[in-house]
Amino acid sequence: MRSIDKLIIGSFSVFFIFAISIDYINSVAPVNEEIINENTSKWIWPPQFVLKLFYWWCENVDPILLHNDYLVKYLTFLSPFMFAPFYLIATYAIYNEKQWIRMPMIIFSLILFFDLNYFFYQAVFGIEKAKNLLFFILGYGYYQIFPLILIYRFWPKNVFKKKSDRRKKN
């Protein structure tokens, strides 16, 4: 397996954990109501330490998540309910070198890239800007770079063809 494929599978593993824990919070919380500890203290999922991490992140870096407007809810809803299953399917396809993942991977890359653009725009120009832009970029920056890695890797038509296979045909 190529090292870039290992990077992608590793990234999908981390993204999956964030999707079913952190992003889940916004996706199930009410729209346009501030997400506060009193409302989430009795939740059985995610665990309370994840909720504490979420609140710390919102209070110190990204306050827009606490207010959960319609677009934030929609964009975070994609993560646990669409992206998380995709991470599992894509990991299977990469590990088993399934060519059919090529086009879904390119489409996913574009969705992820433009999804995060909204958060970056809000962090810099929105009403509630990021409180710590450096932490914001460190936390979300890879989500802007990763789609470019995926497009680079999955743009060729024969994604999993080995160089030795190409030489045999020439």
C-alpha atoms as a PDB file:
ATOM      1  CA  MET A   1       0.000   0.000   0.000  1.00  0.00           C
ATOM      2  CA  ARG A   2       1.285   3.453  -0.861  1.00  0.00           C
ATOM      3  CA  SER A   3       2.187   5.850   1.930  1.00  0.00           C
ATOM      4  CA  ILE A   4      -0.331   8.409   0.593  1.00  0.00           C
ATOM      5  CA  ASP A   5      -3.040   5.750   0.933  1.00  0.00           C
ATOM      6  CA  LYS A   6      -1.955   5.131   4.525  1.00  0.00           C
ATOM      7  CA  LEU A   7      -2.191   8.889   5.173  1.00  0.00           C
ATOM      8  CA  ILE A   8      -5.709   8.958   3.697  1.00  0.00           C
ATOM      9  CA  ILE A   9      -6.870   5.951   5.731  1.00  0.00           C
ATOM     10  CA  GLY A  10      -5.355   7.429   8.894  1.00  0.00           C
ATOM     11  CA  SER A  11      -7.042  10.780   8.212  1.00  0.00           C
ATOM     12  CA  PHE A  12     -10.376   9.066   7.594  1.00  0.00           C
ATOM     13  CA  SER A  13     -10.012   7.236  10.922  1.00  0.00           C
ATOM     14  CA  VAL A  14      -9.494  10.511  12.809  1.00  0.00           C
ATOM     15  CA  PHE A  15     -12.253  12.253  10.836  1.00  0.00           C
ATOM     16  CA  PHE A  16     -14.624   9.382  11.662  1.00  0.00           C
ATOM     17  CA  ILE A  17     -14.017   9.827  15.391  1.00  0.00           C
ATOM     18  CA  PHE A  18     -14.617  13.597  15.125  1.00  0.00           C
ATOM     19  CA  ALA A  19     -17.735  13.020  13.017  1.00  0.00           C
ATOM     20  CA  ILE A  20     -19.454  10.694  15.464  1.00  0.00           C
ATOM     21  CA  SER A  21     -18.484  12.738  18.513  1.00  0.00           C
ATOM     22  CA  ILE A  22     -17.763  16.460  18.045  1.00  0.00           C
ATOM     23  CA  ASP A  23     -19.754  17.096  14.850  1.00  0.00           C
ATOM     24  CA  TYR A  24     -22.626  15.039  16.226  1.00  0.00           C
ATOM     25  CA  ILE A  25     -23.205  17.733  18.869  1.00  0.00           C
ATOM     26  CA  ASN A  26     -24.186  20.427  16.368  1.00  0.00           C
ATOM     27  CA  SER A  27     -26.069  18.013  14.157  1.00  0.00           C
ATOM     28  CA  VAL A  28     -28.534  17.012  16.915  1.00  0.00           C
ATOM     29  CA  ALA A  29     -28.700  20.285  18.882  1.00  0.00           C
ATOM     30  CA  PRO A  30     -31.585  22.690  18.154  1.00  0.00           C
ATOM     31  CA  VAL A  31     -31.148  25.284  15.414  1.00  0.00           C
ATOM     32  CA  ASN A  32     -30.509  28.904  16.448  1.00  0.00           C
ATOM     33  CA  GLU A  33     -30.387  28.061  20.138  1.00  0.00           C
ATOM     34  CA  GLU A  34     -27.151  28.428  21.990  1.00  0.00           C
ATOM     35  CA  ILE A  35     -25.670  25.066  22.866  1.00  0.00           C
ATOM     36  CA  ILE A  36     -25.076  25.233  26.606  1.00  0.00           C
ATOM     37  CA  ASN A  37     -23.940  22.741  29.196  1.00  0.00           C
ATOM     38  CA  GLU A  38     -27.342  22.648  30.915  1.00  0.00           C
ATOM     39  CA  ASN A  39     -28.931  21.356  27.700  1.00  0.00           C
ATOM     40  CA  THR A  40     -26.321  18.690  27.046  1.00  0.00           C
ATOM     41  CA  SER A  41     -25.422  17.511  30.557  1.00  0.00           C
ATOM     42  CA  LYS A  42     -27.854  14.572  30.403  1.00  0.00           C
ATOM     43  CA  TRP A  43     -26.896  13.418  26.910  1.00  0.00           C
ATOM     44  CA  ILE A  44     -25.591   9.873  26.796  1.00  0.00           C
ATOM     45  CA  TRP A  45     -23.684  10.556  23.577  1.00  0.00           C
ATOM     46  CA  PRO A  46     -21.109  11.934  23.119  1.00  0.00           C
ATOM     47  CA  PRO A  47     -19.329  11.344  26.429  1.00  0.00           C
ATOM     48  CA  GLN A  48     -19.119  14.311  28.801  1.00  0.00           C
ATOM     49  CA  PHE A  49     -15.377  14.775  28.281  1.00  0.00           C
ATOM     50  CA  VAL A  50     -16.077  15.293  24.553  1.00  0.00           C
ATOM     51  CA  LEU A  51     -18.711  17.891  25.402  1.00  0.00           C
ATOM     52  CA  LYS A  52     -16.207  19.666  27.675  1.00  0.00           C
ATOM     53  CA  LEU A  53     -13.677  19.671  24.839  1.00  0.00           C
ATOM     54  CA  PHE A  54     -16.367  21.051  22.511  1.00  0.00           C
ATOM     55  CA  TYR A  55     -17.199  23.874  24.914  1.00  0.00           C
ATOM     56  CA  TRP A  56     -13.532  24.702  25.408  1.00  0.00           C
ATOM     57  CA  TRP A  57     -13.041  24.859  21.632  1.00  0.00           C
ATOM     58  CA  CYS A  58     -16.081  27.095  21.150  1.00  0.00           C
ATOM     59  CA  GLU A  59     -15.201  29.456  23.999  1.00  0.00           C
ATOM     60  CA  ASN A  60     -11.540  29.799  23.044  1.00  0.00           C
ATOM     61  CA  VAL A  61     -11.452  29.365  19.277  1.00  0.00           C
ATOM     62  CA  ASP A  62     -14.679  28.952  17.269  1.00  0.00           C
ATOM     63  CA  PRO A  63     -17.774  30.573  18.863  1.00  0.00           C
ATOM     64  CA  ILE A  64     -19.990  30.132  15.777  1.00  0.00           C
ATOM     65  CA  LEU A  65     -20.518  26.473  16.700  1.00  0.00           C
ATOM     66  CA  LEU A  66     -22.282  27.419  19.943  1.00  0.00           C
ATOM     67  CA  HIS A  67     -25.044  29.303  18.107  1.00  0.00           C
ATOM     68  CA  ASN A  68     -25.777  26.529  15.616  1.00  0.00           C
ATOM     69  CA  ASP A  69     -27.444  28.524  12.856  1.00  0.00           C
ATOM     70  CA  TYR A  70     -29.155  26.687   9.992  1.00  0.00           C
ATOM     71  CA  LEU A  71     -26.058  26.494   7.810  1.00  0.00           C
ATOM     72  CA  VAL A  72     -23.787  25.333  10.639  1.00  0.00           C
ATOM     73  CA  LYS A  73     -26.331  22.663  11.563  1.00  0.00           C
ATOM     74  CA  TYR A  74     -26.647  21.540   7.938  1.00  0.00           C
ATOM     75  CA  LEU A  75     -22.895  21.438   7.354  1.00  0.00           C
ATOM     76  CA  THR A  76     -22.188  19.612  10.616  1.00  0.00           C
ATOM     77  CA  PHE A  77     -25.098  17.229   9.951  1.00  0.00           C
ATOM     78  CA  LEU A  78     -23.214  16.006   6.872  1.00  0.00           C
ATOM     79  CA  SER A  79     -20.312  14.842   8.989  1.00  0.00           C
ATOM     80  CA  PRO A  80     -21.818  12.105  11.203  1.00  0.00           C
ATOM     81  CA  PHE A  81     -24.641  11.078   8.887  1.00  0.00           C
ATOM     82  CA  MET A  82     -23.023  11.182   5.434  1.00  0.00           C
ATOM     83  CA  PHE A  83     -19.268  11.570   5.763  1.00  0.00           C
ATOM     84  CA  ALA A  84     -18.760   9.020   8.572  1.00  0.00           C
ATOM     85  CA  PRO A  85     -20.260   6.131   6.552  1.00  0.00           C
ATOM     86  CA  PHE A  86     -18.275   7.348   3.543  1.00  0.00           C
ATOM     87  CA  TYR A  87     -15.035   7.202   5.571  1.00  0.00           C
ATOM     88  CA  LEU A  88     -15.683   3.525   6.304  1.00  0.00           C
ATOM     89  CA  ILE A  89     -16.578   2.689   2.704  1.00  0.00           C
ATOM     90  CA  ALA A  90     -13.631   4.650   1.317  1.00  0.00           C
ATOM     91  CA  THR A  91     -11.223   2.991   3.749  1.00  0.00           C
ATOM     92  CA  TYR A  92     -12.443  -0.408   2.582  1.00  0.00           C
ATOM     93  CA  ALA A  93     -12.104   0.623  -1.072  1.00  0.00           C
ATOM     94  CA  ILE A  94      -8.591   2.028  -0.676  1.00  0.00           C
ATOM     95  CA  TYR A  95      -7.373  -0.932   1.362  1.00  0.00           C
ATOM     96  CA  ASN A  96      -8.775  -3.372  -1.219  1.00  0.00           C
ATOM     97  CA  GLU A  97      -7.807  -1.176  -4.209  1.00  0.00           C
ATOM     98  CA  LYS A  98     -11.321  -0.802  -5.590  1.00  0.00           C
ATOM     99  CA  GLN A  99     -11.345   1.440  -8.657  1.00  0.00           C
ATOM    100  CA  TRP A 100     -15.025   2.409  -8.165  1.00  0.00           C
ATOM    101  CA  ILE A 101     -14.092   4.758  -5.295  1.00  0.00           C
ATOM    102  CA  ARG A 102     -12.362   7.211  -7.649  1.00  0.00           C
ATOM    103  CA  MET A 103     -15.327   9.411  -8.606  1.00  0.00           C
ATOM    104  CA  PRO A 104     -17.025   9.358  -5.165  1.00  0.00           C
ATOM    105  CA  MET A 105     -13.676  10.405  -3.683  1.00  0.00           C
ATOM    106  CA  ILE A 106     -13.356  13.380  -6.040  1.00  0.00           C
ATOM    107  CA  ILE A 107     -16.944  14.457  -5.301  1.00  0.00           C
ATOM    108  CA  PHE A 108     -16.364  14.076  -1.557  1.00  0.00           C
ATOM    109  CA  SER A 109     -13.175  16.154  -1.839  1.00  0.00           C
ATOM    110  CA  LEU A 110     -15.042  19.037  -3.419  1.00  0.00           C
ATOM    111  CA  ILE A 111     -17.864  18.900  -0.864  1.00  0.00           C
ATOM    112  CA  LEU A 112     -15.417  18.848   2.069  1.00  0.00           C
ATOM    113  CA  PHE A 113     -13.368  21.719   0.650  1.00  0.00           C
ATOM    114  CA  PHE A 114     -16.369  23.988   0.088  1.00  0.00           C
ATOM    115  CA  ASP A 115     -18.026  22.914   3.359  1.00  0.00           C
ATOM    116  CA  LEU A 116     -15.034  24.207   5.333  1.00  0.00           C
ATOM    117  CA  ASN A 117     -14.876  27.430   3.325  1.00  0.00           C
ATOM    118  CA  TYR A 118     -17.983  28.622   5.173  1.00  0.00           C
ATOM    119  CA  PHE A 119     -16.278  28.155   8.544  1.00  0.00           C
ATOM    120  CA  PHE A 120     -13.124  29.925   7.362  1.00  0.00           C
ATOM    121  CA  TYR A 121     -15.179  32.822   6.003  1.00  0.00           C
ATOM    122  CA  GLN A 122     -17.042  33.158   9.306  1.00  0.00           C
ATOM    123  CA  ALA A 123     -13.798  32.920  11.304  1.00  0.00           C
ATOM    124  CA  VAL A 124     -12.260  35.838   9.425  1.00  0.00           C
ATOM    125  CA  PHE A 125     -15.197  38.001   8.297  1.00  0.00           C
ATOM    126  CA  GLY A 126     -18.264  36.800  10.230  1.00  0.00           C
ATOM    127  CA  ILE A 127     -20.108  38.423  13.099  1.00  0.00           C
ATOM    128  CA  GLU A 128     -18.466  36.026  15.546  1.00  0.00           C
ATOM    129  CA  LYS A 129     -14.903  35.777  14.329  1.00  0.00           C
ATOM    130  CA  ALA A 130     -12.527  33.119  15.567  1.00  0.00           C
ATOM    131  CA  LYS A 131     -11.158  34.086  18.959  1.00  0.00           C
ATOM    132  CA  ASN A 132      -7.791  32.568  18.180  1.00  0.00           C
ATOM    133  CA  LEU A 133      -7.111  32.479  14.445  1.00  0.00           C
ATOM    134  CA  LEU A 134      -3.903  30.481  14.839  1.00  0.00           C
ATOM    135  CA  PHE A 135      -5.684  27.674  16.737  1.00  0.00           C
ATOM    136  CA  PHE A 136      -8.529  27.879  14.242  1.00  0.00           C
ATOM    137  CA  ILE A 137      -6.155  27.365  11.322  1.00  0.00           C
ATOM    138  CA  LEU A 138      -4.317  24.586  13.162  1.00  0.00           C
ATOM    139  CA  GLY A 139      -7.643  22.868  13.911  1.00  0.00           C
ATOM    140  CA  TYR A 140      -9.337  23.263  10.543  1.00  0.00           C
ATOM    141  CA  GLY A 141      -6.490  23.890   8.113  1.00  0.00           C
ATOM    142  CA  TYR A 142      -5.909  20.237   7.321  1.00  0.00           C
ATOM    143  CA  TYR A 143      -9.553  19.978   6.246  1.00  0.00           C
ATOM    144  CA  GLN A 144      -8.689  22.475   3.481  1.00  0.00           C
ATOM    145  CA  ILE A 145      -5.461  20.726   2.454  1.00  0.00           C
ATOM    146  CA  PHE A 146      -6.771  17.164   2.656  1.00  0.00           C
ATOM    147  CA  PRO A 147      -9.250  17.486  -0.257  1.00  0.00           C
ATOM    148  CA  LEU A 148      -6.350  18.613  -2.464  1.00  0.00           C
ATOM    149  CA  ILE A 149      -4.410  15.492  -1.422  1.00  0.00           C
ATOM    150  CA  LEU A 150      -7.426  13.353  -2.337  1.00  0.00           C
ATOM    151  CA  ILE A 151      -7.838  14.988  -5.736  1.00  0.00           C
ATOM    152  CA  TYR A 152      -4.121  14.563  -6.425  1.00  0.00           C
ATOM    153  CA  ARG A 153      -4.331  10.877  -5.497  1.00  0.00           C
ATOM    154  CA  PHE A 154      -7.628  10.019  -7.199  1.00  0.00           C
ATOM    155  CA  TRP A 155      -7.505  12.166 -10.335  1.00  0.00           C
ATOM    156  CA  PRO A 156      -5.728   9.537 -12.508  1.00  0.00           C
ATOM    157  CA  LYS A 157      -8.152   7.207 -14.252  1.00  0.00           C
ATOM    158  CA  ASN A 158      -6.381   4.044 -13.091  1.00  0.00           C
ATOM    159  CA  VAL A 159      -5.929   4.937  -9.443  1.00  0.00           C
ATOM    160  CA  PHE A 160      -4.629   1.606  -8.182  1.00  0.00           C
ATOM    161  CA  LYS A 161      -2.624   0.523 -11.195  1.00  0.00           C
ATOM    162  CA  LYS A 162       0.948  -0.138 -10.189  1.00  0.00           C
ATOM    163  CA  LYS A 163       3.873   1.351 -12.115  1.00  0.00           C
ATOM    164  CA  SER A 164       5.062  -2.168 -12.978  1.00  0.00           C
ATOM    165  CA  ASP A 165       1.665  -2.841 -14.653  1.00  0.00           C
ATOM    166  CA  ARG A 166       2.046   0.294 -16.783  1.00  0.00           C
ATOM    167  CA  ARG A 167       5.565  -0.705 -17.898  1.00  0.00           C
ATOM    168  CA  LYS A 168       4.396  -4.149 -19.061  1.00  0.00           C
ATOM    169  CA  LYS A 169       1.953  -2.553 -21.497  1.00  0.00           C
ATOM    170  CA  ASN A 170       4.628  -0.287 -23.041  1.00  0.00           C
END
